[in-house]
Amino acid sequence: MKKIIIEGQTHAGRKFRPSDWAERMSGALSTFGRDHRIRYSPLLQPLTINGVKCVAIDPKMKEKCPEMFSYIMGWANNNDLVISEADIPSHSDNSSGTHAVQTNADGAQNTVQG
């Protein structure tokens, strides 16, 4: 499934801080399961791409939570973070963890893990 990816680095290549920003942001739509473990929404999930913290946003968020979608995208743009798209399998498609390939605008491919 195609997802919007916000990377934890600026267009200048600087690492975004704090280091747990992706988990904090994804926590806005998370819940806790009966086992007291955090469950991230399929609309907004933290992941790592080639060692860089990122969030994956399901494009459906634009319809389901338009204010949050607008806020997150504005926040990413204001912080000059890299935004791209990637094909990311849903957790139901890949119960052992997310492994996919992201293709950047320049055609370079990156391994995606979540």
PDB file of N, CA and C in Angstrom:
ATOM      1  N   MET A   1       0.844  -1.173   0.000  1.00  0.00           N
ATOM      2  CA  MET A   1       0.000   0.000   0.000  1.00  0.00           C
ATOM      3  C   MET A   1       0.892   1.239   0.000  1.00  0.00           C
ATOM      4  N   LYS A   2       0.567   2.196  -0.823  1.00  0.00           N
ATOM      5  CA  LYS A   2       1.325   3.449  -0.935  1.00  0.00           C
ATOM      6  C   LYS A   2       1.092   4.302   0.309  1.00  0.00           C
ATOM      7  N   LYS A   3       2.184   4.751   0.940  1.00  0.00           N
ATOM      8  CA  LYS A   3       2.123   5.599   2.139  1.00  0.00           C
ATOM      9  C   LYS A   3       2.955   6.856   1.917  1.00  0.00           C
ATOM     10  N   ILE A   4       2.595   7.900   2.632  1.00  0.00           N
ATOM     11  CA  ILE A   4       3.384   9.128   2.655  1.00  0.00           C
ATOM     12  C   ILE A   4       4.423   8.950   3.761  1.00  0.00           C
ATOM     13  N   ILE A   5       5.668   9.205   3.452  1.00  0.00           N
ATOM     14  CA  ILE A   5       6.756   9.029   4.415  1.00  0.00           C
ATOM     15  C   ILE A   5       7.348  10.395   4.764  1.00  0.00           C
ATOM     16  N   ILE A   6       7.395  10.690   6.057  1.00  0.00           N
ATOM     17  CA  ILE A   6       8.101  11.878   6.541  1.00  0.00           C
ATOM     18  C   ILE A   6       9.365  11.370   7.215  1.00  0.00           C
ATOM     19  N   GLU A   7      10.498  11.781   6.689  1.00  0.00           N
ATOM     20  CA  GLU A   7      11.786  11.327   7.202  1.00  0.00           C
ATOM     21  C   GLU A   7      12.295  12.263   8.290  1.00  0.00           C
ATOM     22  N   GLY A   8      13.021  11.704   9.229  1.00  0.00           N
ATOM     23  CA  GLY A   8      13.587  12.476  10.331  1.00  0.00           C
ATOM     24  C   GLY A   8      14.893  13.135   9.976  1.00  0.00           C
ATOM     25  N   GLN A   9      14.950  13.700   8.785  1.00  0.00           N
ATOM     26  CA  GLN A   9      16.106  14.492   8.392  1.00  0.00           C
ATOM     27  C   GLN A   9      15.640  15.608   7.474  1.00  0.00           C
ATOM     28  N   THR A  10      16.367  16.706   7.531  1.00  0.00           N
ATOM     29  CA  THR A  10      16.011  17.868   6.720  1.00  0.00           C
ATOM     30  C   THR A  10      16.537  17.691   5.299  1.00  0.00           C
ATOM     31  N   HIS A  11      16.090  18.564   4.413  1.00  0.00           N
ATOM     32  CA  HIS A  11      16.595  18.534   3.042  1.00  0.00           C
ATOM     33  C   HIS A  11      18.101  18.801   2.998  1.00  0.00           C
ATOM     34  N   ALA A  12      18.632  19.463   4.016  1.00  0.00           N
ATOM     35  CA  ALA A  12      20.078  19.716   4.106  1.00  0.00           C
ATOM     36  C   ALA A  12      20.831  18.515   4.676  1.00  0.00           C
ATOM     37  N   GLY A  13      20.093  17.456   5.065  1.00  0.00           N
ATOM     38  CA  GLY A  13      20.727  16.248   5.574  1.00  0.00           C
ATOM     39  C   GLY A  13      20.931  16.210   7.076  1.00  0.00           C
ATOM     40  N   ARG A  14      20.429  17.212   7.801  1.00  0.00           N
ATOM     41  CA  ARG A  14      20.577  17.225   9.261  1.00  0.00           C
ATOM     42  C   ARG A  14      19.532  16.317   9.908  1.00  0.00           C
ATOM     43  N   LYS A  15      19.965  15.591  10.940  1.00  0.00           N
ATOM     44  CA  LYS A  15      19.073  14.711  11.689  1.00  0.00           C
ATOM     45  C   LYS A  15      18.108  15.543  12.526  1.00  0.00           C
ATOM     46  N   PHE A  16      16.823  15.180  12.494  1.00  0.00           N
ATOM     47  CA  PHE A  16      15.820  15.910  13.257  1.00  0.00           C
ATOM     48  C   PHE A  16      15.823  15.423  14.698  1.00  0.00           C
ATOM     49  N   ARG A  17      15.668  16.334  15.621  1.00  0.00           N
ATOM     50  CA  ARG A  17      15.617  16.041  17.060  1.00  0.00           C
ATOM     51  C   ARG A  17      14.287  16.476  17.628  1.00  0.00           C
ATOM     52  N   PRO A  18      13.758  15.859  18.664  1.00  0.00           N
ATOM     53  CA  PRO A  18      14.375  14.804  19.458  1.00  0.00           C
ATOM     54  C   PRO A  18      14.344  13.461  18.723  1.00  0.00           C
ATOM     55  N   SER A  19      15.160  12.537  19.161  1.00  0.00           N
ATOM     56  CA  SER A  19      15.303  11.263  18.463  1.00  0.00           C
ATOM     57  C   SER A  19      14.036  10.412  18.496  1.00  0.00           C
ATOM     58  N   ASP A  20      13.131  10.657  19.431  1.00  0.00           N
ATOM     59  CA  ASP A  20      11.896   9.872  19.501  1.00  0.00           C
ATOM     60  C   ASP A  20      10.694  10.601  18.888  1.00  0.00           C
ATOM     61  N   TRP A  21      10.956  11.562  18.004  1.00  0.00           N
ATOM     62  CA  TRP A  21       9.878  12.363  17.424  1.00  0.00           C
ATOM     63  C   TRP A  21       8.836  11.506  16.715  1.00  0.00           C
ATOM     64  N   ALA A  22       9.263  10.447  16.010  1.00  0.00           N
ATOM     65  CA  ALA A  22       8.327   9.620  15.237  1.00  0.00           C
ATOM     66  C   ALA A  22       7.357   8.878  16.157  1.00  0.00           C
ATOM     67  N   GLU A  23       7.868   8.356  17.268  1.00  0.00           N
ATOM     68  CA  GLU A  23       7.008   7.666  18.225  1.00  0.00           C
ATOM     69  C   GLU A  23       6.052   8.646  18.898  1.00  0.00           C
ATOM     70  N   ARG A  24       6.564   9.834  19.228  1.00  0.00           N
ATOM     71  CA  ARG A  24       5.705  10.855  19.847  1.00  0.00           C
ATOM     72  C   ARG A  24       4.565  11.241  18.913  1.00  0.00           C
ATOM     73  N   MET A  25       4.900  11.494  17.652  1.00  0.00           N
ATOM     74  CA  MET A  25       3.873  11.895  16.698  1.00  0.00           C
ATOM     75  C   MET A  25       2.867  10.767  16.485  1.00  0.00           C
ATOM     76  N   SER A  26       3.342   9.550  16.302  1.00  0.00           N
ATOM     77  CA  SER A  26       2.456   8.409  16.074  1.00  0.00           C
ATOM     78  C   SER A  26       1.591   8.121  17.289  1.00  0.00           C
ATOM     79  N   GLY A  27       2.068   8.495  18.458  1.00  0.00           N
ATOM     80  CA  GLY A  27       1.304   8.300  19.683  1.00  0.00           C
ATOM     81  C   GLY A  27       0.007   9.081  19.710  1.00  0.00           C
ATOM     82  N   ALA A  28      -0.106  10.109  18.881  1.00  0.00           N
ATOM     83  CA  ALA A  28      -1.327  10.925  18.846  1.00  0.00           C
ATOM     84  C   ALA A  28      -2.554  10.111  18.441  1.00  0.00           C
ATOM     85  N   LEU A  29      -2.357   9.053  17.664  1.00  0.00           N
ATOM     86  CA  LEU A  29      -3.475   8.203  17.236  1.00  0.00           C
ATOM     87  C   LEU A  29      -3.371   6.786  17.791  1.00  0.00           C
ATOM     88  N   SER A  30      -2.492   6.572  18.758  1.00  0.00           N
ATOM     89  CA  SER A  30      -2.286   5.221  19.284  1.00  0.00           C
ATOM     90  C   SER A  30      -3.246   4.902  20.425  1.00  0.00           C
ATOM     91  N   THR A  31      -3.357   3.611  20.716  1.00  0.00           N
ATOM     92  CA  THR A  31      -4.137   3.119  21.849  1.00  0.00           C
ATOM     93  C   THR A  31      -3.289   2.081  22.573  1.00  0.00           C
ATOM     94  N   PHE A  32      -3.769   1.623  23.708  1.00  0.00           N
ATOM     95  CA  PHE A  32      -3.094   0.552  24.427  1.00  0.00           C
ATOM     96  C   PHE A  32      -3.958  -0.694  24.378  1.00  0.00           C
ATOM     97  N   GLY A  33      -3.327  -1.846  24.101  1.00  0.00           N
ATOM     98  CA  GLY A  33      -4.038  -3.114  24.054  1.00  0.00           C
ATOM     99  C   GLY A  33      -4.229  -3.682  25.447  1.00  0.00           C
ATOM    100  N   ARG A  34      -4.922  -4.814  25.505  1.00  0.00           N
ATOM    101  CA  ARG A  34      -5.149  -5.493  26.791  1.00  0.00           C
ATOM    102  C   ARG A  34      -3.839  -5.895  27.455  1.00  0.00           C
ATOM    103  N   ASP A  35      -2.813  -6.091  26.638  1.00  0.00           N
ATOM    104  CA  ASP A  35      -1.498  -6.463  27.165  1.00  0.00           C
ATOM    105  C   ASP A  35      -0.693  -5.237  27.609  1.00  0.00           C
ATOM    106  N   HIS A  36      -1.338  -4.067  27.608  1.00  0.00           N
ATOM    107  CA  HIS A  36      -0.723  -2.804  28.029  1.00  0.00           C
ATOM    108  C   HIS A  36       0.410  -2.354  27.103  1.00  0.00           C
ATOM    109  N   ARG A  37       0.386  -2.846  25.867  1.00  0.00           N
ATOM    110  CA  ARG A  37       1.371  -2.422  24.878  1.00  0.00           C
ATOM    111  C   ARG A  37       0.721  -1.429  23.925  1.00  0.00           C
ATOM    112  N   ILE A  38       1.521  -0.506  23.452  1.00  0.00           N
ATOM    113  CA  ILE A  38       1.007   0.522  22.548  1.00  0.00           C
ATOM    114  C   ILE A  38       0.662  -0.091  21.189  1.00  0.00           C
ATOM    115  N   ARG A  39      -0.437   0.356  20.631  1.00  0.00           N
ATOM    116  CA  ARG A  39      -0.898  -0.077  19.313  1.00  0.00           C
ATOM    117  C   ARG A  39      -1.015   1.179  18.450  1.00  0.00           C
ATOM    118  N   TYR A  40      -0.131   1.292  17.464  1.00  0.00           N
ATOM    119  CA  TYR A  40      -0.172   2.454  16.580  1.00  0.00           C
ATOM    120  C   TYR A  40      -1.292   2.290  15.564  1.00  0.00           C
ATOM    121  N   SER A  41      -1.921   3.383  15.236  1.00  0.00           N
ATOM    122  CA  SER A  41      -2.980   3.401  14.232  1.00  0.00           C
ATOM    123  C   SER A  41      -2.402   3.064  12.864  1.00  0.00           C
ATOM    124  N   PRO A  42      -3.155   2.348  12.031  1.00  0.00           N
ATOM    125  CA  PRO A  42      -2.676   2.111  10.666  1.00  0.00           C
ATOM    126  C   PRO A  42      -2.575   3.412   9.853  1.00  0.00           C
ATOM    127  N   LEU A  43      -3.172   4.480  10.353  1.00  0.00           N
ATOM    128  CA  LEU A  43      -3.104   5.767   9.660  1.00  0.00           C
ATOM    129  C   LEU A  43      -1.788   6.502   9.891  1.00  0.00           C
ATOM    130  N   LEU A  44      -1.106   6.211  11.017  1.00  0.00           N
ATOM    131  CA  LEU A  44       0.109   6.942  11.386  1.00  0.00           C
ATOM    132  C   LEU A  44       1.015   6.023  12.200  1.00  0.00           C
ATOM    133  N   GLN A  45       2.138   5.600  11.598  1.00  0.00           N
ATOM    134  CA  GLN A  45       3.014   4.630  12.254  1.00  0.00           C
ATOM    135  C   GLN A  45       4.478   5.044  12.158  1.00  0.00           C
ATOM    136  N   PRO A  46       5.230   4.831  13.247  1.00  0.00           N
ATOM    137  CA  PRO A  46       6.669   5.084  13.184  1.00  0.00           C
ATOM    138  C   PRO A  46       7.368   3.926  12.473  1.00  0.00           C
ATOM    139  N   LEU A  47       8.457   4.217  11.793  1.00  0.00           N
ATOM    140  CA  LEU A  47       9.279   3.187  11.180  1.00  0.00           C
ATOM    141  C   LEU A  47      10.667   3.759  10.946  1.00  0.00           C
ATOM    142  N   THR A  48      11.580   2.903  10.536  1.00  0.00           N
ATOM    143  CA  THR A  48      12.954   3.307  10.269  1.00  0.00           C
ATOM    144  C   THR A  48      13.301   2.940   8.836  1.00  0.00           C
ATOM    145  N   ILE A  49      13.893   3.876   8.114  1.00  0.00           N
ATOM    146  CA  ILE A  49      14.346   3.633   6.744  1.00  0.00           C
ATOM    147  C   ILE A  49      15.834   3.927   6.702  1.00  0.00           C
ATOM    148  N   ASN A  50      16.616   2.883   6.444  1.00  0.00           N
ATOM    149  CA  ASN A  50      18.078   3.033   6.379  1.00  0.00           C
ATOM    150  C   ASN A  50      18.642   3.791   7.573  1.00  0.00           C
ATOM    151  N   GLY A  51      18.153   3.453   8.765  1.00  0.00           N
ATOM    152  CA  GLY A  51      18.648   4.052   9.994  1.00  0.00           C
ATOM    153  C   GLY A  51      18.065   5.414  10.333  1.00  0.00           C
ATOM    154  N   VAL A  52      17.140   5.919   9.518  1.00  0.00           N
ATOM    155  CA  VAL A  52      16.523   7.227   9.754  1.00  0.00           C
ATOM    156  C   VAL A  52      15.106   7.025  10.280  1.00  0.00           C
ATOM    157  N   LYS A  53      14.799   7.638  11.432  1.00  0.00           N
ATOM    158  CA  LYS A  53      13.438   7.578  11.987  1.00  0.00           C
ATOM    159  C   LYS A  53      12.485   8.293  11.038  1.00  0.00           C
ATOM    160  N   CYS A  54      11.314   7.682  10.833  1.00  0.00           N
ATOM    161  CA  CYS A  54      10.313   8.224   9.919  1.00  0.00           C
ATOM    162  C   CYS A  54       8.925   7.943  10.470  1.00  0.00           C
ATOM    163  N   VAL A  55       7.919   8.562   9.867  1.00  0.00           N
ATOM    164  CA  VAL A  55       6.535   8.159  10.081  1.00  0.00           C
ATOM    165  C   VAL A  55       5.938   7.843   8.724  1.00  0.00           C
ATOM    166  N   ALA A  56       5.062   6.838   8.722  1.00  0.00           N
ATOM    167  CA  ALA A  56       4.314   6.466   7.529  1.00  0.00           C
ATOM    168  C   ALA A  56       2.874   6.903   7.743  1.00  0.00           C
ATOM    169  N   ILE A  57       2.362   7.672   6.805  1.00  0.00           N
ATOM    170  CA  ILE A  57       0.997   8.176   6.883  1.00  0.00           C
ATOM    171  C   ILE A  57       0.175   7.530   5.785  1.00  0.00           C
ATOM    172  N   ASP A  58      -0.927   6.893   6.172  1.00  0.00           N
ATOM    173  CA  ASP A  58      -1.852   6.352   5.189  1.00  0.00           C
ATOM    174  C   ASP A  58      -2.574   7.537   4.552  1.00  0.00           C
ATOM    175  N   PRO A  59      -2.633   7.605   3.216  1.00  0.00           N
ATOM    176  CA  PRO A  59      -3.331   8.719   2.567  1.00  0.00           C
ATOM    177  C   PRO A  59      -4.796   8.861   2.990  1.00  0.00           C
ATOM    178  N   LYS A  60      -5.391   7.800   3.528  1.00  0.00           N
ATOM    179  CA  LYS A  60      -6.776   7.860   4.012  1.00  0.00           C
ATOM    180  C   LYS A  60      -6.922   8.848   5.168  1.00  0.00           C
ATOM    181  N   MET A  61      -5.814   9.163   5.843  1.00  0.00           N
ATOM    182  CA  MET A  61      -5.879  10.115   6.952  1.00  0.00           C
ATOM    183  C   MET A  61      -6.410  11.464   6.474  1.00  0.00           C
ATOM    184  N   LYS A  62      -6.106  11.824   5.235  1.00  0.00           N
ATOM    185  CA  LYS A  62      -6.554  13.113   4.698  1.00  0.00           C
ATOM    186  C   LYS A  62      -8.076  13.219   4.742  1.00  0.00           C
ATOM    187  N   GLU A  63      -8.776  12.089   4.548  1.00  0.00           N
ATOM    188  CA  GLU A  63     -10.239  12.066   4.595  1.00  0.00           C
ATOM    189  C   GLU A  63     -10.760  11.831   6.009  1.00  0.00           C
ATOM    190  N   LYS A  64     -10.123  10.905   6.731  1.00  0.00           N
ATOM    191  CA  LYS A  64     -10.616  10.514   8.056  1.00  0.00           C
ATOM    192  C   LYS A  64     -10.276  11.519   9.154  1.00  0.00           C
ATOM    193  N   CYS A  65      -9.119  12.133   9.074  1.00  0.00           N
ATOM    194  CA  CYS A  65      -8.659  13.097  10.085  1.00  0.00           C
ATOM    195  C   CYS A  65      -8.021  14.288   9.371  1.00  0.00           C
ATOM    196  N   PRO A  66      -8.811  15.069   8.621  1.00  0.00           N
ATOM    197  CA  PRO A  66      -8.217  16.129   7.794  1.00  0.00           C
ATOM    198  C   PRO A  66      -7.432  17.175   8.578  1.00  0.00           C
ATOM    199  N   GLU A  67      -7.889  17.532   9.773  1.00  0.00           N
ATOM    200  CA  GLU A  67      -7.164  18.541  10.554  1.00  0.00           C
ATOM    201  C   GLU A  67      -5.805  18.021  10.999  1.00  0.00           C
ATOM    202  N   MET A  68      -5.757  16.750  11.436  1.00  0.00           N
ATOM    203  CA  MET A  68      -4.484  16.174  11.865  1.00  0.00           C
ATOM    204  C   MET A  68      -3.546  16.021  10.670  1.00  0.00           C
ATOM    205  N   PHE A  69      -4.082  15.566   9.543  1.00  0.00           N
ATOM    206  CA  PHE A  69      -3.269  15.418   8.338  1.00  0.00           C
ATOM    207  C   PHE A  69      -2.653  16.765   7.953  1.00  0.00           C
ATOM    208  N   SER A  70      -3.464  17.796   7.934  1.00  0.00           N
ATOM    209  CA  SER A  70      -2.991  19.135   7.579  1.00  0.00           C
ATOM    210  C   SER A  70      -1.929  19.620   8.567  1.00  0.00           C
ATOM    211  N   TYR A  71      -2.161  19.382   9.849  1.00  0.00           N
ATOM    212  CA  TYR A  71      -1.198  19.789  10.876  1.00  0.00           C
ATOM    213  C   TYR A  71       0.145  19.082  10.673  1.00  0.00           C
ATOM    214  N   ILE A  72       0.117  17.757  10.483  1.00  0.00           N
ATOM    215  CA  ILE A  72       1.355  16.982  10.343  1.00  0.00           C
ATOM    216  C   ILE A  72       2.128  17.405   9.100  1.00  0.00           C
ATOM    217  N   MET A  73       1.436  17.564   7.987  1.00  0.00           N
ATOM    218  CA  MET A  73       2.118  17.953   6.751  1.00  0.00           C
ATOM    219  C   MET A  73       2.690  19.373   6.872  1.00  0.00           C
ATOM    220  N   GLY A  74       1.942  20.272   7.495  1.00  0.00           N
ATOM    221  CA  GLY A  74       2.448  21.628   7.717  1.00  0.00           C
ATOM    222  C   GLY A  74       3.656  21.631   8.628  1.00  0.00           C
ATOM    223  N   TRP A  75       3.601  20.810   9.690  1.00  0.00           N
ATOM    224  CA  TRP A  75       4.716  20.690  10.627  1.00  0.00           C
ATOM    225  C   TRP A  75       5.964  20.177   9.904  1.00  0.00           C
ATOM    226  N   ALA A  76       5.792  19.152   9.064  1.00  0.00           N
ATOM    227  CA  ALA A  76       6.930  18.595   8.325  1.00  0.00           C
ATOM    228  C   ALA A  76       7.527  19.636   7.377  1.00  0.00           C
ATOM    229  N   ASN A  77       6.675  20.367   6.694  1.00  0.00           N
ATOM    230  CA  ASN A  77       7.168  21.412   5.782  1.00  0.00           C
ATOM    231  C   ASN A  77       7.857  22.536   6.544  1.00  0.00           C
ATOM    232  N   ASN A  78       7.289  22.955   7.670  1.00  0.00           N
ATOM    233  CA  ASN A  78       7.901  24.021   8.478  1.00  0.00           C
ATOM    234  C   ASN A  78       9.270  23.630   9.015  1.00  0.00           C
ATOM    235  N   ASN A  79       9.470  22.330   9.258  1.00  0.00           N
ATOM    236  CA  ASN A  79      10.753  21.837   9.763  1.00  0.00           C
ATOM    237  C   ASN A  79      11.674  21.363   8.643  1.00  0.00           C
ATOM    238  N   ASP A  80      11.267  21.601   7.388  1.00  0.00           N
ATOM    239  CA  ASP A  80      12.068  21.266   6.206  1.00  0.00           C
ATOM    240  C   ASP A  80      12.426  19.781   6.139  1.00  0.00           C
ATOM    241  N   LEU A  81      11.503  18.915   6.590  1.00  0.00           N
ATOM    242  CA  LEU A  81      11.753  17.475   6.568  1.00  0.00           C
ATOM    243  C   LEU A  81      11.464  16.899   5.185  1.00  0.00           C
ATOM    244  N   VAL A  82      12.182  15.841   4.848  1.00  0.00           N
ATOM    245  CA  VAL A  82      12.006  15.170   3.561  1.00  0.00           C
ATOM    246  C   VAL A  82      10.689  14.396   3.587  1.00  0.00           C
ATOM    247  N   ILE A  83       9.863  14.596   2.555  1.00  0.00           N
ATOM    248  CA  ILE A  83       8.585  13.898   2.416  1.00  0.00           C
ATOM    249  C   ILE A  83       8.624  13.139   1.099  1.00  0.00           C
ATOM    250  N   SER A  84       8.260  11.848   1.146  1.00  0.00           N
ATOM    251  CA  SER A  84       8.252  11.022  -0.058  1.00  0.00           C
ATOM    252  C   SER A  84       7.100  10.028   0.034  1.00  0.00           C
ATOM    253  N   GLU A  85       7.036   9.101  -0.900  1.00  0.00           N
ATOM    254  CA  GLU A  85       6.037   8.035  -0.880  1.00  0.00           C
ATOM    255  C   GLU A  85       6.757   6.702  -0.970  1.00  0.00           C
ATOM    256  N   ALA A  86       6.119   5.664  -0.425  1.00  0.00           N
ATOM    257  CA  ALA A  86       6.686   4.319  -0.489  1.00  0.00           C
ATOM    258  C   ALA A  86       5.566   3.302  -0.435  1.00  0.00           C
ATOM    259  N   ASP A  87       5.806   2.154  -1.024  1.00  0.00           N
ATOM    260  CA  ASP A  87       4.881   1.035  -0.902  1.00  0.00           C
ATOM    261  C   ASP A  87       5.229   0.293   0.377  1.00  0.00           C
ATOM    262  N   ILE A  88       4.330   0.346   1.349  1.00  0.00           N
ATOM    263  CA  ILE A  88       4.548  -0.279   2.652  1.00  0.00           C
ATOM    264  C   ILE A  88       3.437  -1.295   2.873  1.00  0.00           C
ATOM    265  N   PRO A  89       3.770  -2.571   3.122  1.00  0.00           N
ATOM    266  CA  PRO A  89       2.703  -3.535   3.416  1.00  0.00           C
ATOM    267  C   PRO A  89       2.068  -3.232   4.762  1.00  0.00           C
ATOM    268  N   SER A  90       0.765  -3.485   4.864  1.00  0.00           N
ATOM    269  CA  SER A  90       0.096  -3.296   6.155  1.00  0.00           C
ATOM    270  C   SER A  90       0.534  -4.404   7.089  1.00  0.00           C
ATOM    271  N   HIS A  91       0.306  -4.219   8.403  1.00  0.00           N
ATOM    272  CA  HIS A  91       0.696  -5.248   9.371  1.00  0.00           C
ATOM    273  C   HIS A  91      -0.002  -6.563   9.086  1.00  0.00           C
ATOM    274  N   SER A  92      -1.222  -6.529   8.577  1.00  0.00           N
ATOM    275  CA  SER A  92      -1.934  -7.771   8.276  1.00  0.00           C
ATOM    276  C   SER A  92      -1.306  -8.482   7.085  1.00  0.00           C
ATOM    277  N   ASP A  93      -0.625  -7.731   6.197  1.00  0.00           N
ATOM    278  CA  ASP A  93       0.047  -8.338   5.057  1.00  0.00           C
ATOM    279  C   ASP A  93       1.390  -8.941   5.443  1.00  0.00           C
ATOM    280  N   ASN A  94       1.964  -8.487   6.556  1.00  0.00           N
ATOM    281  CA  ASN A  94       3.320  -8.881   6.916  1.00  0.00           C
ATOM    282  C   ASN A  94       3.444  -8.901   8.432  1.00  0.00           C
ATOM    283  N   SER A  95       3.013  -9.984   9.045  1.00  0.00           N
ATOM    284  CA  SER A  95       2.978 -10.050  10.503  1.00  0.00           C
ATOM    285  C   SER A  95       4.362 -10.108  11.137  1.00  0.00           C
ATOM    286  N   SER A  96       5.387 -10.421  10.369  1.00  0.00           N
ATOM    287  CA  SER A  96       6.731 -10.501  10.942  1.00  0.00           C
ATOM    288  C   SER A  96       7.449  -9.159  10.945  1.00  0.00           C
ATOM    289  N   GLY A  97       6.781  -8.107  10.525  1.00  0.00           N
ATOM    290  CA  GLY A  97       7.410  -6.787  10.483  1.00  0.00           C
ATOM    291  C   GLY A  97       7.348  -6.217   9.083  1.00  0.00           C
ATOM    292  N   THR A  98       7.497  -4.932   8.973  1.00  0.00           N
ATOM    293  CA  THR A  98       7.399  -4.269   7.686  1.00  0.00           C
ATOM    294  C   THR A  98       8.748  -4.281   6.983  1.00  0.00           C
ATOM    295  N   HIS A  99       8.776  -4.806   5.785  1.00  0.00           N
ATOM    296  CA  HIS A  99       9.959  -4.786   4.933  1.00  0.00           C
ATOM    297  C   HIS A  99       9.477  -4.434   3.538  1.00  0.00           C
ATOM    298  N   ALA A 100       9.904  -3.330   3.028  1.00  0.00           N
ATOM    299  CA  ALA A 100       9.467  -2.883   1.715  1.00  0.00           C
ATOM    300  C   ALA A 100      10.580  -2.064   1.084  1.00  0.00           C
ATOM    301  N   VAL A 101      10.331  -1.599  -0.122  1.00  0.00           N
ATOM    302  CA  VAL A 101      11.304  -0.780  -0.825  1.00  0.00           C
ATOM    303  C   VAL A 101      10.691   0.572  -1.108  1.00  0.00           C
ATOM    304  N   GLN A 102      11.412   1.616  -0.758  1.00  0.00           N
ATOM    305  CA  GLN A 102      10.998   2.994  -1.015  1.00  0.00           C
ATOM    306  C   GLN A 102      11.775   3.487  -2.226  1.00  0.00           C
ATOM    307  N   THR A 103      11.069   4.103  -3.168  1.00  0.00           N
ATOM    308  CA  THR A 103      11.722   4.707  -4.322  1.00  0.00           C
ATOM    309  C   THR A 103      11.604   6.213  -4.206  1.00  0.00           C
ATOM    310  N   ASN A 104      12.730   6.896  -4.134  1.00  0.00           N
ATOM    311  CA  ASN A 104      12.758   8.355  -4.019  1.00  0.00           C
ATOM    312  C   ASN A 104      12.525   8.998  -5.380  1.00  0.00           C
ATOM    313  N   ALA A 105      12.356  10.307  -5.389  1.00  0.00           N
ATOM    314  CA  ALA A 105      12.117  11.050  -6.621  1.00  0.00           C
ATOM    315  C   ALA A 105      13.258  10.873  -7.620  1.00  0.00           C
ATOM    316  N   ASP A 106      14.488  10.674  -7.122  1.00  0.00           N
ATOM    317  CA  ASP A 106      15.629  10.505  -8.023  1.00  0.00           C
ATOM    318  C   ASP A 106      15.808   9.065  -8.496  1.00  0.00           C
ATOM    319  N   GLY A 107      14.885   8.175  -8.104  1.00  0.00           N
ATOM    320  CA  GLY A 107      14.929   6.783  -8.533  1.00  0.00           C
ATOM    321  C   GLY A 107      15.713   5.870  -7.612  1.00  0.00           C
ATOM    322  N   ALA A 108      16.363   6.418  -6.599  1.00  0.00           N
ATOM    323  CA  ALA A 108      17.121   5.595  -5.655  1.00  0.00           C
ATOM    324  C   ALA A 108      16.163   4.778  -4.798  1.00  0.00           C
ATOM    325  N   GLN A 109      16.553   3.555  -4.479  1.00  0.00           N
ATOM    326  CA  GLN A 109      15.704   2.695  -3.661  1.00  0.00           C
ATOM    327  C   GLN A 109      16.331   2.480  -2.296  1.00  0.00           C
ATOM    328  N   ASN A 110      15.475   2.434  -1.269  1.00  0.00           N
ATOM    329  CA  ASN A 110      15.907   2.241   0.108  1.00  0.00           C
ATOM    330  C   ASN A 110      15.115   1.113   0.736  1.00  0.00           C
ATOM    331  N   THR A 111      15.736   0.383   1.648  1.00  0.00           N
ATOM    332  CA  THR A 111      15.047  -0.644   2.411  1.00  0.00           C
ATOM    333  C   THR A 111      14.259   0.012   3.527  1.00  0.00           C
ATOM    334  N   VAL A 112      13.028  -0.437   3.715  1.00  0.00           N
ATOM    335  CA  VAL A 112      12.138   0.114   4.734  1.00  0.00           C
ATOM    336  C   VAL A 112      11.849  -0.971   5.752  1.00  0.00           C
ATOM    337  N   GLN A 113      11.999  -0.648   7.046  1.00  0.00           N
ATOM    338  CA  GLN A 113      11.685  -1.593   8.110  1.00  0.00           C
ATOM    339  C   GLN A 113      10.834  -0.908   9.148  1.00  0.00           C
ATOM    340  N   GLY A 114       9.863  -1.627   9.672  1.00  0.00           N
ATOM    341  CA  GLY A 114       9.014  -1.056  10.712  1.00  0.00           C
ATOM    342  C   GLY A 114       8.776  -2.017  11.817  1.00  0.00           C
TER     343      GLY A 114
END
